[in-house]
Amino acid sequence: MSTNTNTNTNTNTNTNSALGYDVFVADPLPMAGPGPLPNGEPRNFQPIAVTLIHGTRDAVLVDPPLTLDQAQAVGDWVEVSGKRLTHIVVTHGHGDHWFTAGVLAERFGAQVVATAGSIAQMHNNVYAREVLWDVLWPGQIPPSPVTAVAAPGNRLTLEGHDLNIVDVGHADSDDSAVVHVPDLDLVVAGDVIYNGVHVYLAESADGDFGPWRKAIDTVAALTPRHIVASHQNKSLDDDAARLFAETRRYLDDAEAALATHDTPEAFFQALLDRYPDRVGPTVLWVSSRALYLAREGGDPVQNLVAAWRQ
């Protein structure tokens, strides 16, 4: 496994504090399972971004990664920072953003926190490990008991600065949240906002992106200047205005393609043609499969598993 660090450090200019953030981006992981995508590319997952919000002494980690090897690399990165890790925040239930939380919490003596809704979704993803996560990445994911607790008022304090965990509802999954750091003009957006990678649409299988647009509006109302997307092309910046516009446009284009095309293959190709520079076509293919399986009826959970595994 290859990992790279994409470092974005911002100093709070409103005070004398050394508040800032850094981002670790783990490269896409190969996935077990069927052969190449319809366009011939191998099946690889998306880059995973982990954010370290830090002050002079202490730090908070947001969205720990998926595999044990990734957790080792992230832990070493945190250790090199010299900061004392006090908390690990999970923005939503997808396992690629928390299955290694326990490993990192034990290494650093940190507490894992999330919203009540995200904690419920974390339990659902534990149940899905046997049929999904461990099939796609066999032997790579550590034991993942849910140890997260809700922070009082969904708020943490880092050396006197508020870190607000804000519920936004459905985005690429139910019960999503973001972390707002007002003194950095920063939102760590989890999977509510994407940055230069294909957007995971599979859990909006009815094709209704209205709730997701509302979630984006909730984040926009926080007026950040910087957004860290937990899936991102590491060569791109964190400009909030660009990311709002691009994520909204992707949803609009996906909605239009759904109305135009009758097969997952045609939908997949249409979005590839529209966004040739976006990373992570495997997620686009999974989304395509899930959206069109939903049109045929059947159990939504079984459709989602089939979209990933076939």
C-alpha atoms as a PDB file:
ATOM      1  CA  MET A   1       0.000   0.000   0.000  1.00  0.00           C
ATOM      2  CA  SER A   2       1.218   3.447  -0.888  1.00  0.00           C
ATOM      3  CA  THR A   3       0.412   6.521   1.154  1.00  0.00           C
ATOM      4  CA  ASN A   4       1.126  10.140   0.525  1.00  0.00           C
ATOM      5  CA  THR A   5       0.765  13.199   2.664  1.00  0.00           C
ATOM      6  CA  ASN A   6      -0.953  16.229   1.234  1.00  0.00           C
ATOM      7  CA  THR A   7      -0.212  18.919   3.792  1.00  0.00           C
ATOM      8  CA  ASN A   8      -2.450  21.942   4.186  1.00  0.00           C
ATOM      9  CA  THR A   9      -1.536  24.035   7.198  1.00  0.00           C
ATOM     10  CA  ASN A  10      -3.429  27.188   8.056  1.00  0.00           C
ATOM     11  CA  THR A  11      -2.579  29.439  10.974  1.00  0.00           C
ATOM     12  CA  ASN A  12      -5.396  31.303  12.693  1.00  0.00           C
ATOM     13  CA  THR A  13      -4.672  34.948  11.987  1.00  0.00           C
ATOM     14  CA  ASN A  14      -7.384  36.240  14.301  1.00  0.00           C
ATOM     15  CA  THR A  15      -5.488  35.347  17.468  1.00  0.00           C
ATOM     16  CA  ASN A  16      -1.983  34.517  18.541  1.00  0.00           C
ATOM     17  CA  SER A  17      -2.876  30.822  18.491  1.00  0.00           C
ATOM     18  CA  ALA A  18      -1.008  28.259  16.403  1.00  0.00           C
ATOM     19  CA  LEU A  19      -4.250  26.553  15.413  1.00  0.00           C
ATOM     20  CA  GLY A  20      -3.951  24.780  12.071  1.00  0.00           C
ATOM     21  CA  TYR A  21      -4.742  21.637  10.128  1.00  0.00           C
ATOM     22  CA  ASP A  22      -2.896  19.049   8.077  1.00  0.00           C
ATOM     23  CA  VAL A  23      -4.276  16.414   5.729  1.00  0.00           C
ATOM     24  CA  PHE A  24      -2.960  12.898   5.102  1.00  0.00           C
ATOM     25  CA  VAL A  25      -4.165  11.345   1.833  1.00  0.00           C
ATOM     26  CA  ALA A  26      -3.852   7.564   1.449  1.00  0.00           C
ATOM     27  CA  ASP A  27      -3.649   6.366  -2.139  1.00  0.00           C
ATOM     28  CA  PRO A  28      -6.429   4.204  -3.649  1.00  0.00           C
ATOM     29  CA  LEU A  29      -6.513   0.593  -2.460  1.00  0.00           C
ATOM     30  CA  PRO A  30      -6.952  -2.311  -4.892  1.00  0.00           C
ATOM     31  CA  MET A  31     -10.245  -4.149  -4.385  1.00  0.00           C
ATOM     32  CA  ALA A  32     -10.806  -7.891  -4.488  1.00  0.00           C
ATOM     33  CA  GLY A  33     -13.602  -9.233  -6.633  1.00  0.00           C
ATOM     34  CA  PRO A  34     -14.603  -9.277 -10.302  1.00  0.00           C
ATOM     35  CA  GLY A  35     -12.487  -8.094 -13.183  1.00  0.00           C
ATOM     36  CA  PRO A  36     -11.924  -4.626 -14.595  1.00  0.00           C
ATOM     37  CA  LEU A  37     -14.464  -1.849 -14.956  1.00  0.00           C
ATOM     38  CA  PRO A  38     -16.440  -1.455 -18.201  1.00  0.00           C
ATOM     39  CA  ASN A  39     -13.831   1.056 -19.392  1.00  0.00           C
ATOM     40  CA  GLY A  40     -11.035  -1.459 -18.773  1.00  0.00           C
ATOM     41  CA  GLU A  41      -9.555   0.165 -15.654  1.00  0.00           C
ATOM     42  CA  PRO A  42      -8.735  -1.958 -12.585  1.00  0.00           C
ATOM     43  CA  ARG A  43     -11.017  -1.796  -9.565  1.00  0.00           C
ATOM     44  CA  ASN A  44      -9.374   0.503  -7.052  1.00  0.00           C
ATOM     45  CA  PHE A  45     -10.998   2.403  -4.222  1.00  0.00           C
ATOM     46  CA  GLN A  46     -10.764   6.169  -3.834  1.00  0.00           C
ATOM     47  CA  PRO A  47      -8.090   8.159  -2.000  1.00  0.00           C
ATOM     48  CA  ILE A  48      -8.947   8.537   1.697  1.00  0.00           C
ATOM     49  CA  ALA A  49      -8.167  11.826   3.451  1.00  0.00           C
ATOM     50  CA  VAL A  50      -7.528  12.045   7.196  1.00  0.00           C
ATOM     51  CA  THR A  51      -7.406  15.470   8.866  1.00  0.00           C
ATOM     52  CA  LEU A  52      -5.353  16.512  11.892  1.00  0.00           C
ATOM     53  CA  ILE A  53      -6.562  19.731  13.533  1.00  0.00           C
ATOM     54  CA  HIS A  54      -3.870  20.903  15.920  1.00  0.00           C
ATOM     55  CA  GLY A  55      -2.944  23.584  18.378  1.00  0.00           C
ATOM     56  CA  THR A  56       0.312  24.224  20.204  1.00  0.00           C
ATOM     57  CA  ARG A  57       0.215  20.953  22.156  1.00  0.00           C
ATOM     58  CA  ASP A  58      -2.911  18.949  21.358  1.00  0.00           C
ATOM     59  CA  ALA A  59      -4.663  17.663  18.269  1.00  0.00           C
ATOM     60  CA  VAL A  60      -7.904  16.087  17.047  1.00  0.00           C
ATOM     61  CA  LEU A  61      -8.017  13.560  14.210  1.00  0.00           C
ATOM     62  CA  VAL A  62     -11.009  13.429  11.850  1.00  0.00           C
ATOM     63  CA  ASP A  63     -12.047  10.335   9.846  1.00  0.00           C
ATOM     64  CA  PRO A  64      -9.414   7.634  10.468  1.00  0.00           C
ATOM     65  CA  PRO A  65      -8.835   5.269   7.540  1.00  0.00           C
ATOM     66  CA  LEU A  66      -9.892   1.763   6.540  1.00  0.00           C
ATOM     67  CA  THR A  67      -7.028  -0.721   6.800  1.00  0.00           C
ATOM     68  CA  LEU A  68      -4.457  -1.618   9.393  1.00  0.00           C
ATOM     69  CA  ASP A  69      -1.586  -0.576   7.118  1.00  0.00           C
ATOM     70  CA  GLN A  70      -3.213   2.812   6.559  1.00  0.00           C
ATOM     71  CA  ALA A  71      -3.714   3.234  10.305  1.00  0.00           C
ATOM     72  CA  GLN A  72      -0.050   2.492  10.935  1.00  0.00           C
ATOM     73  CA  ALA A  73       0.980   5.154   8.422  1.00  0.00           C
ATOM     74  CA  VAL A  74      -1.476   7.699   9.837  1.00  0.00           C
ATOM     75  CA  GLY A  75      -0.361   6.937  13.389  1.00  0.00           C
ATOM     76  CA  ASP A  76       3.274   7.456  12.469  1.00  0.00           C
ATOM     77  CA  TRP A  77       2.319  10.762  10.806  1.00  0.00           C
ATOM     78  CA  VAL A  78       0.519  11.912  13.951  1.00  0.00           C
ATOM     79  CA  GLU A  79       3.460  10.862  16.095  1.00  0.00           C
ATOM     80  CA  VAL A  80       5.882  12.872  13.973  1.00  0.00           C
ATOM     81  CA  SER A  81       3.710  15.945  14.518  1.00  0.00           C
ATOM     82  CA  GLY A  82       4.609  15.833  18.201  1.00  0.00           C
ATOM     83  CA  LYS A  83       1.019  16.648  19.193  1.00  0.00           C
ATOM     84  CA  ARG A  84      -0.985  14.892  21.903  1.00  0.00           C
ATOM     85  CA  LEU A  85      -3.994  13.301  20.239  1.00  0.00           C
ATOM     86  CA  THR A  86      -7.012  13.844  22.486  1.00  0.00           C
ATOM     87  CA  HIS A  87      -9.966  12.877  20.273  1.00  0.00           C
ATOM     88  CA  ILE A  88     -10.836  11.071  17.058  1.00  0.00           C
ATOM     89  CA  VAL A  89     -13.975  12.334  15.297  1.00  0.00           C
ATOM     90  CA  VAL A  90     -15.985  10.168  12.890  1.00  0.00           C
ATOM     91  CA  THR A  91     -18.204  12.104  10.468  1.00  0.00           C
ATOM     92  CA  HIS A  92     -20.424   9.214   9.315  1.00  0.00           C
ATOM     93  CA  GLY A  93     -20.878   5.469   9.423  1.00  0.00           C
ATOM     94  CA  HIS A  94     -18.975   4.264   6.351  1.00  0.00           C
ATOM     95  CA  GLY A  95     -16.178   1.973   7.493  1.00  0.00           C
ATOM     96  CA  ASP A  96     -13.509   3.566   5.304  1.00  0.00           C
ATOM     97  CA  HIS A  97     -13.662   6.535   7.704  1.00  0.00           C
ATOM     98  CA  TRP A  98     -13.577   4.756  11.051  1.00  0.00           C
ATOM     99  CA  PHE A  99     -12.771   1.017  11.024  1.00  0.00           C
ATOM    100  CA  THR A 100      -9.289   1.825  12.385  1.00  0.00           C
ATOM    101  CA  ALA A 101     -10.509   4.320  14.993  1.00  0.00           C
ATOM    102  CA  GLY A 102     -10.041   1.797  17.794  1.00  0.00           C
ATOM    103  CA  VAL A 103      -6.474   0.996  16.751  1.00  0.00           C
ATOM    104  CA  LEU A 104      -5.507   4.664  16.720  1.00  0.00           C
ATOM    105  CA  ALA A 105      -7.426   5.447  19.902  1.00  0.00           C
ATOM    106  CA  GLU A 106      -5.531   2.699  21.718  1.00  0.00           C
ATOM    107  CA  ARG A 107      -2.171   3.851  20.338  1.00  0.00           C
ATOM    108  CA  PHE A 108      -2.653   7.449  21.471  1.00  0.00           C
ATOM    109  CA  GLY A 109      -5.071   7.171  24.381  1.00  0.00           C
ATOM    110  CA  ALA A 110      -7.655   9.230  22.502  1.00  0.00           C
ATOM    111  CA  GLN A 111     -11.453   9.187  22.777  1.00  0.00           C
ATOM    112  CA  VAL A 112     -13.590   8.425  19.712  1.00  0.00           C
ATOM    113  CA  VAL A 113     -16.599  10.713  19.224  1.00  0.00           C
ATOM    114  CA  ALA A 114     -19.426  11.007  16.696  1.00  0.00           C
ATOM    115  CA  THR A 115     -23.038  12.122  16.576  1.00  0.00           C
ATOM    116  CA  ALA A 116     -25.727   9.740  17.800  1.00  0.00           C
ATOM    117  CA  GLY A 117     -26.905   9.204  14.228  1.00  0.00           C
ATOM    118  CA  SER A 118     -23.416   8.428  12.988  1.00  0.00           C
ATOM    119  CA  ILE A 119     -22.912   5.953  15.822  1.00  0.00           C
ATOM    120  CA  ALA A 120     -26.063   4.095  14.758  1.00  0.00           C
ATOM    121  CA  GLN A 121     -24.737   3.931  11.186  1.00  0.00           C
ATOM    122  CA  MET A 122     -21.361   2.696  12.449  1.00  0.00           C
ATOM    123  CA  HIS A 123     -23.142  -0.295  13.996  1.00  0.00           C
ATOM    124  CA  ASN A 124     -24.834  -0.983  10.656  1.00  0.00           C
ATOM    125  CA  ASN A 125     -21.457  -1.056   8.918  1.00  0.00           C
ATOM    126  CA  VAL A 126     -20.093  -3.525  11.464  1.00  0.00           C
ATOM    127  CA  TYR A 127     -22.969  -5.838  10.539  1.00  0.00           C
ATOM    128  CA  ALA A 128     -22.045  -5.381   6.863  1.00  0.00           C
ATOM    129  CA  ARG A 129     -18.396  -6.316   7.295  1.00  0.00           C
ATOM    130  CA  GLU A 130     -18.802 -10.026   6.557  1.00  0.00           C
ATOM    131  CA  VAL A 131     -20.711  -9.563   3.305  1.00  0.00           C
ATOM    132  CA  LEU A 132     -19.049  -6.414   2.023  1.00  0.00           C
ATOM    133  CA  TRP A 133     -16.002  -4.808   3.601  1.00  0.00           C
ATOM    134  CA  ASP A 134     -14.101  -8.024   4.405  1.00  0.00           C
ATOM    135  CA  VAL A 135     -14.907  -9.410   0.971  1.00  0.00           C
ATOM    136  CA  LEU A 136     -13.442  -6.382  -0.780  1.00  0.00           C
ATOM    137  CA  TRP A 137     -10.376  -6.077   1.486  1.00  0.00           C
ATOM    138  CA  PRO A 138      -9.853  -9.533   3.022  1.00  0.00           C
ATOM    139  CA  GLY A 139      -7.508  -9.681   6.005  1.00  0.00           C
ATOM    140  CA  GLN A 140      -6.732  -5.965   5.888  1.00  0.00           C
ATOM    141  CA  ILE A 141      -9.267  -4.468   8.301  1.00  0.00           C
ATOM    142  CA  PRO A 142      -8.715  -4.752  12.072  1.00  0.00           C
ATOM    143  CA  PRO A 143     -11.442  -5.625  14.595  1.00  0.00           C
ATOM    144  CA  SER A 144     -13.801  -2.662  14.701  1.00  0.00           C
ATOM    145  CA  PRO A 145     -16.011  -2.540  17.775  1.00  0.00           C
ATOM    146  CA  VAL A 146     -17.990   0.685  17.994  1.00  0.00           C
ATOM    147  CA  THR A 147     -16.465   2.645  20.874  1.00  0.00           C
ATOM    148  CA  ALA A 148     -17.565   6.121  19.795  1.00  0.00           C
ATOM    149  CA  VAL A 149     -19.570   8.297  22.170  1.00  0.00           C
ATOM    150  CA  ALA A 150     -21.460  11.510  21.529  1.00  0.00           C
ATOM    151  CA  ALA A 151     -19.604  14.620  22.625  1.00  0.00           C
ATOM    152  CA  PRO A 152     -21.642  16.890  24.925  1.00  0.00           C
ATOM    153  CA  GLY A 153     -23.503  19.315  22.700  1.00  0.00           C
ATOM    154  CA  ASN A 154     -21.656  17.780  19.724  1.00  0.00           C
ATOM    155  CA  ARG A 155     -18.755  20.082  20.547  1.00  0.00           C
ATOM    156  CA  LEU A 156     -15.091  19.625  21.389  1.00  0.00           C
ATOM    157  CA  THR A 157     -12.632  22.263  22.576  1.00  0.00           C
ATOM    158  CA  LEU A 158      -9.051  22.307  21.364  1.00  0.00           C
ATOM    159  CA  GLU A 159      -6.902  24.716  23.372  1.00  0.00           C
ATOM    160  CA  GLY A 160      -9.828  27.089  23.737  1.00  0.00           C
ATOM    161  CA  HIS A 161     -11.101  26.762  20.151  1.00  0.00           C
ATOM    162  CA  ASP A 162     -14.476  25.192  19.351  1.00  0.00           C
ATOM    163  CA  LEU A 163     -14.767  22.186  17.068  1.00  0.00           C
ATOM    164  CA  ASN A 164     -18.474  21.793  16.308  1.00  0.00           C
ATOM    165  CA  ILE A 165     -19.790  18.482  15.001  1.00  0.00           C
ATOM    166  CA  VAL A 166     -22.745  19.510  12.866  1.00  0.00           C
ATOM    167  CA  ASP A 167     -25.488  17.099  11.794  1.00  0.00           C
ATOM    168  CA  VAL A 168     -26.402  17.595   8.135  1.00  0.00           C
ATOM    169  CA  GLY A 169     -28.603  14.568   7.410  1.00  0.00           C
ATOM    170  CA  HIS A 170     -28.316  12.476   4.265  1.00  0.00           C
ATOM    171  CA  ALA A 171     -25.375  13.007   1.892  1.00  0.00           C
ATOM    172  CA  ASP A 172     -23.608   9.962   0.467  1.00  0.00           C
ATOM    173  CA  SER A 173     -25.061   8.131   3.488  1.00  0.00           C
ATOM    174  CA  ASP A 174     -27.653   8.703   6.171  1.00  0.00           C
ATOM    175  CA  ASP A 175     -26.843  10.593   9.375  1.00  0.00           C
ATOM    176  CA  SER A 176     -23.830  12.437   8.048  1.00  0.00           C
ATOM    177  CA  ALA A 177     -22.011  15.195   9.931  1.00  0.00           C
ATOM    178  CA  VAL A 178     -19.202  17.676   9.377  1.00  0.00           C
ATOM    179  CA  VAL A 179     -16.657  19.260  11.706  1.00  0.00           C
ATOM    180  CA  HIS A 180     -16.724  23.057  11.761  1.00  0.00           C
ATOM    181  CA  VAL A 181     -13.741  24.963  13.122  1.00  0.00           C
ATOM    182  CA  PRO A 182     -14.813  28.632  13.078  1.00  0.00           C
ATOM    183  CA  ASP A 183     -11.395  29.988  14.055  1.00  0.00           C
ATOM    184  CA  LEU A 184      -9.889  28.358  10.960  1.00  0.00           C
ATOM    185  CA  ASP A 185     -12.795  29.107   8.608  1.00  0.00           C
ATOM    186  CA  LEU A 186     -12.634  25.352   8.086  1.00  0.00           C
ATOM    187  CA  VAL A 187     -15.115  22.536   7.601  1.00  0.00           C
ATOM    188  CA  VAL A 188     -13.938  18.937   7.500  1.00  0.00           C
ATOM    189  CA  ALA A 189     -16.801  17.695   5.378  1.00  0.00           C
ATOM    190  CA  GLY A 190     -16.495  13.916   5.423  1.00  0.00           C
ATOM    191  CA  ASP A 191     -18.411  12.621   2.396  1.00  0.00           C
ATOM    192  CA  VAL A 192     -20.825  15.549   2.129  1.00  0.00           C
ATOM    193  CA  ILE A 193     -18.428  17.327  -0.251  1.00  0.00           C
ATOM    194  CA  TYR A 194     -16.104  15.634  -2.751  1.00  0.00           C
ATOM    195  CA  ASN A 195     -12.928  17.097  -4.229  1.00  0.00           C
ATOM    196  CA  GLY A 196     -11.824  15.931  -7.667  1.00  0.00           C
ATOM    197  CA  VAL A 197     -13.050  12.339  -7.294  1.00  0.00           C
ATOM    198  CA  HIS A 198     -16.216  10.627  -8.467  1.00  0.00           C
ATOM    199  CA  VAL A 199     -19.091  11.019  -6.034  1.00  0.00           C
ATOM    200  CA  TYR A 200     -20.593   7.957  -4.316  1.00  0.00           C
ATOM    201  CA  LEU A 201     -24.279   8.027  -5.273  1.00  0.00           C
ATOM    202  CA  ALA A 202     -25.247   4.442  -4.461  1.00  0.00           C
ATOM    203  CA  GLU A 203     -27.128   5.246  -1.263  1.00  0.00           C
ATOM    204  CA  SER A 204     -29.340   7.729  -3.075  1.00  0.00           C
ATOM    205  CA  ALA A 205     -30.699   4.810  -5.068  1.00  0.00           C
ATOM    206  CA  ASP A 206     -34.069   6.457  -5.654  1.00  0.00           C
ATOM    207  CA  GLY A 207     -32.204   9.109  -7.638  1.00  0.00           C
ATOM    208  CA  ASP A 208     -33.383  11.876  -5.328  1.00  0.00           C
ATOM    209  CA  PHE A 209     -30.444  14.121  -4.495  1.00  0.00           C
ATOM    210  CA  GLY A 210     -32.604  16.723  -2.778  1.00  0.00           C
ATOM    211  CA  PRO A 211     -31.578  15.726   0.766  1.00  0.00           C
ATOM    212  CA  TRP A 212     -27.911  15.851  -0.278  1.00  0.00           C
ATOM    213  CA  ARG A 213     -28.351  19.322  -1.741  1.00  0.00           C
ATOM    214  CA  LYS A 214     -29.927  20.382   1.549  1.00  0.00           C
ATOM    215  CA  ALA A 215     -26.899  18.982   3.406  1.00  0.00           C
ATOM    216  CA  ILE A 216     -24.591  21.036   1.174  1.00  0.00           C
ATOM    217  CA  ASP A 217     -26.691  24.114   1.919  1.00  0.00           C
ATOM    218  CA  THR A 218     -26.270  23.437   5.651  1.00  0.00           C
ATOM    219  CA  VAL A 219     -22.492  23.335   5.241  1.00  0.00           C
ATOM    220  CA  ALA A 220     -22.503  26.457   3.069  1.00  0.00           C
ATOM    221  CA  ALA A 221     -24.402  28.328   5.799  1.00  0.00           C
ATOM    222  CA  LEU A 222     -21.327  27.848   8.012  1.00  0.00           C
ATOM    223  CA  THR A 223     -19.449  30.087   5.510  1.00  0.00           C
ATOM    224  CA  PRO A 224     -16.108  28.254   5.504  1.00  0.00           C
ATOM    225  CA  ARG A 225     -13.219  29.352   3.309  1.00  0.00           C
ATOM    226  CA  HIS A 226     -11.560  25.921   3.471  1.00  0.00           C
ATOM    227  CA  ILE A 227     -13.160  22.490   3.071  1.00  0.00           C
ATOM    228  CA  VAL A 228     -11.414  19.173   3.523  1.00  0.00           C
ATOM    229  CA  ALA A 229     -13.248  16.422   1.657  1.00  0.00           C
ATOM    230  CA  SER A 230     -12.550  12.951   3.030  1.00  0.00           C
ATOM    231  CA  HIS A 231     -12.225  11.695  -0.563  1.00  0.00           C
ATOM    232  CA  GLN A 232     -10.057  13.967  -2.641  1.00  0.00           C
ATOM    233  CA  ASN A 233      -7.523  14.354  -5.402  1.00  0.00           C
ATOM    234  CA  LYS A 234      -4.467  15.324  -3.376  1.00  0.00           C
ATOM    235  CA  SER A 235      -3.240  17.697  -6.089  1.00  0.00           C
ATOM    236  CA  LEU A 236      -6.196  20.058  -5.541  1.00  0.00           C
ATOM    237  CA  ASP A 237      -6.665  22.817  -2.973  1.00  0.00           C
ATOM    238  CA  ASP A 238      -9.349  23.138  -0.269  1.00  0.00           C
ATOM    239  CA  ASP A 239     -11.164  26.184  -1.683  1.00  0.00           C
ATOM    240  CA  ALA A 240     -14.701  26.052  -0.323  1.00  0.00           C
ATOM    241  CA  ALA A 241     -16.406  28.029  -3.078  1.00  0.00           C
ATOM    242  CA  ARG A 242     -15.019  25.722  -5.760  1.00  0.00           C
ATOM    243  CA  LEU A 243     -15.963  22.562  -3.859  1.00  0.00           C
ATOM    244  CA  PHE A 244     -19.526  23.686  -3.197  1.00  0.00           C
ATOM    245  CA  ALA A 245     -20.020  24.519  -6.866  1.00  0.00           C
ATOM    246  CA  GLU A 246     -18.400  21.341  -8.177  1.00  0.00           C
ATOM    247  CA  THR A 247     -20.241  18.953  -5.852  1.00  0.00           C
ATOM    248  CA  ARG A 248     -23.577  20.574  -6.648  1.00  0.00           C
ATOM    249  CA  ARG A 249     -22.807  20.426 -10.372  1.00  0.00           C
ATOM    250  CA  TYR A 250     -21.937  16.723 -10.160  1.00  0.00           C
ATOM    251  CA  LEU A 251     -25.285  15.951  -8.528  1.00  0.00           C
ATOM    252  CA  ASP A 252     -27.060  17.980 -11.213  1.00  0.00           C
ATOM    253  CA  ASP A 253     -25.232  16.133 -13.978  1.00  0.00           C
ATOM    254  CA  ALA A 254     -25.922  12.745 -12.387  1.00  0.00           C
ATOM    255  CA  GLU A 255     -29.608  13.591 -12.138  1.00  0.00           C
ATOM    256  CA  ALA A 256     -29.696  14.604 -15.810  1.00  0.00           C
ATOM    257  CA  ALA A 257     -27.868  11.416 -16.855  1.00  0.00           C
ATOM    258  CA  LEU A 258     -30.345   9.282 -14.918  1.00  0.00           C
ATOM    259  CA  ALA A 259     -33.177  10.905 -16.818  1.00  0.00           C
ATOM    260  CA  THR A 260     -31.422  10.357 -20.150  1.00  0.00           C
ATOM    261  CA  HIS A 261     -29.871   6.880 -20.012  1.00  0.00           C
ATOM    262  CA  ASP A 262     -31.519   3.478 -19.601  1.00  0.00           C
ATOM    263  CA  THR A 263     -28.549   1.333 -18.520  1.00  0.00           C
ATOM    264  CA  PRO A 264     -25.824   1.536 -15.886  1.00  0.00           C
ATOM    265  CA  GLU A 265     -23.194   1.244 -18.601  1.00  0.00           C
ATOM    266  CA  ALA A 266     -24.532   4.296 -20.420  1.00  0.00           C
ATOM    267  CA  PHE A 267     -24.813   6.293 -17.186  1.00  0.00           C
ATOM    268  CA  PHE A 268     -21.255   5.307 -16.237  1.00  0.00           C
ATOM    269  CA  GLN A 269     -19.872   6.391 -19.595  1.00  0.00           C
ATOM    270  CA  ALA A 270     -21.817   9.655 -19.561  1.00  0.00           C
ATOM    271  CA  LEU A 271     -20.318  10.699 -16.208  1.00  0.00           C
ATOM    272  CA  LEU A 272     -16.849   9.555 -17.282  1.00  0.00           C
ATOM    273  CA  ASP A 273     -17.154  11.702 -20.394  1.00  0.00           C
ATOM    274  CA  ARG A 274     -18.423  14.659 -18.365  1.00  0.00           C
ATOM    275  CA  TYR A 275     -15.642  14.352 -15.762  1.00  0.00           C
ATOM    276  CA  PRO A 276     -12.577  12.786 -17.404  1.00  0.00           C
ATOM    277  CA  ASP A 277     -10.179  14.187 -14.794  1.00  0.00           C
ATOM    278  CA  ARG A 278     -11.987  12.910 -11.706  1.00  0.00           C
ATOM    279  CA  VAL A 279     -10.316  10.098  -9.785  1.00  0.00           C
ATOM    280  CA  GLY A 280     -12.024   6.879  -8.694  1.00  0.00           C
ATOM    281  CA  PRO A 281     -14.179   5.424 -11.491  1.00  0.00           C
ATOM    282  CA  THR A 282     -14.842   2.280  -9.431  1.00  0.00           C
ATOM    283  CA  VAL A 283     -17.104   4.296  -7.146  1.00  0.00           C
ATOM    284  CA  LEU A 284     -18.888   5.668 -10.212  1.00  0.00           C
ATOM    285  CA  TRP A 285     -19.487   2.134 -11.502  1.00  0.00           C
ATOM    286  CA  VAL A 286     -20.795   0.976  -8.115  1.00  0.00           C
ATOM    287  CA  SER A 287     -23.107   3.987  -8.060  1.00  0.00           C
ATOM    288  CA  SER A 288     -24.272   3.218 -11.584  1.00  0.00           C
ATOM    289  CA  ARG A 289     -25.065  -0.383 -10.700  1.00  0.00           C
ATOM    290  CA  ALA A 290     -26.912   0.558  -7.510  1.00  0.00           C
ATOM    291  CA  LEU A 291     -29.014   3.288  -9.129  1.00  0.00           C
ATOM    292  CA  TYR A 292     -30.220   1.009 -11.916  1.00  0.00           C
ATOM    293  CA  LEU A 293     -30.719  -2.054  -9.701  1.00  0.00           C
ATOM    294  CA  ALA A 294     -33.039   0.118  -7.622  1.00  0.00           C
ATOM    295  CA  ARG A 295     -35.207   0.618 -10.691  1.00  0.00           C
ATOM    296  CA  GLU A 296     -35.729  -3.150 -10.823  1.00  0.00           C
ATOM    297  CA  GLY A 297     -36.936  -3.281  -7.221  1.00  0.00           C
ATOM    298  CA  GLY A 298     -35.669  -5.820  -4.707  1.00  0.00           C
ATOM    299  CA  ASP A 299     -34.095  -5.350  -1.307  1.00  0.00           C
ATOM    300  CA  PRO A 300     -32.080  -2.096  -1.119  1.00  0.00           C
ATOM    301  CA  VAL A 301     -29.348  -3.597   1.068  1.00  0.00           C
ATOM    302  CA  GLN A 302     -28.924  -6.623  -1.194  1.00  0.00           C
ATOM    303  CA  ASN A 303     -28.818  -4.320  -4.209  1.00  0.00           C
ATOM    304  CA  LEU A 304     -26.078  -2.263  -2.590  1.00  0.00           C
ATOM    305  CA  VAL A 305     -23.980  -5.326  -1.767  1.00  0.00           C
ATOM    306  CA  ALA A 306     -24.447  -6.639  -5.308  1.00  0.00           C
ATOM    307  CA  ALA A 307     -23.386  -3.280  -6.761  1.00  0.00           C
ATOM    308  CA  TRP A 308     -20.089  -3.474  -4.884  1.00  0.00           C
ATOM    309  CA  ARG A 309     -19.381  -7.174  -5.405  1.00  0.00           C
ATOM    310  CA  GLN A 310     -20.415  -7.828  -9.010  1.00  0.00           C
END
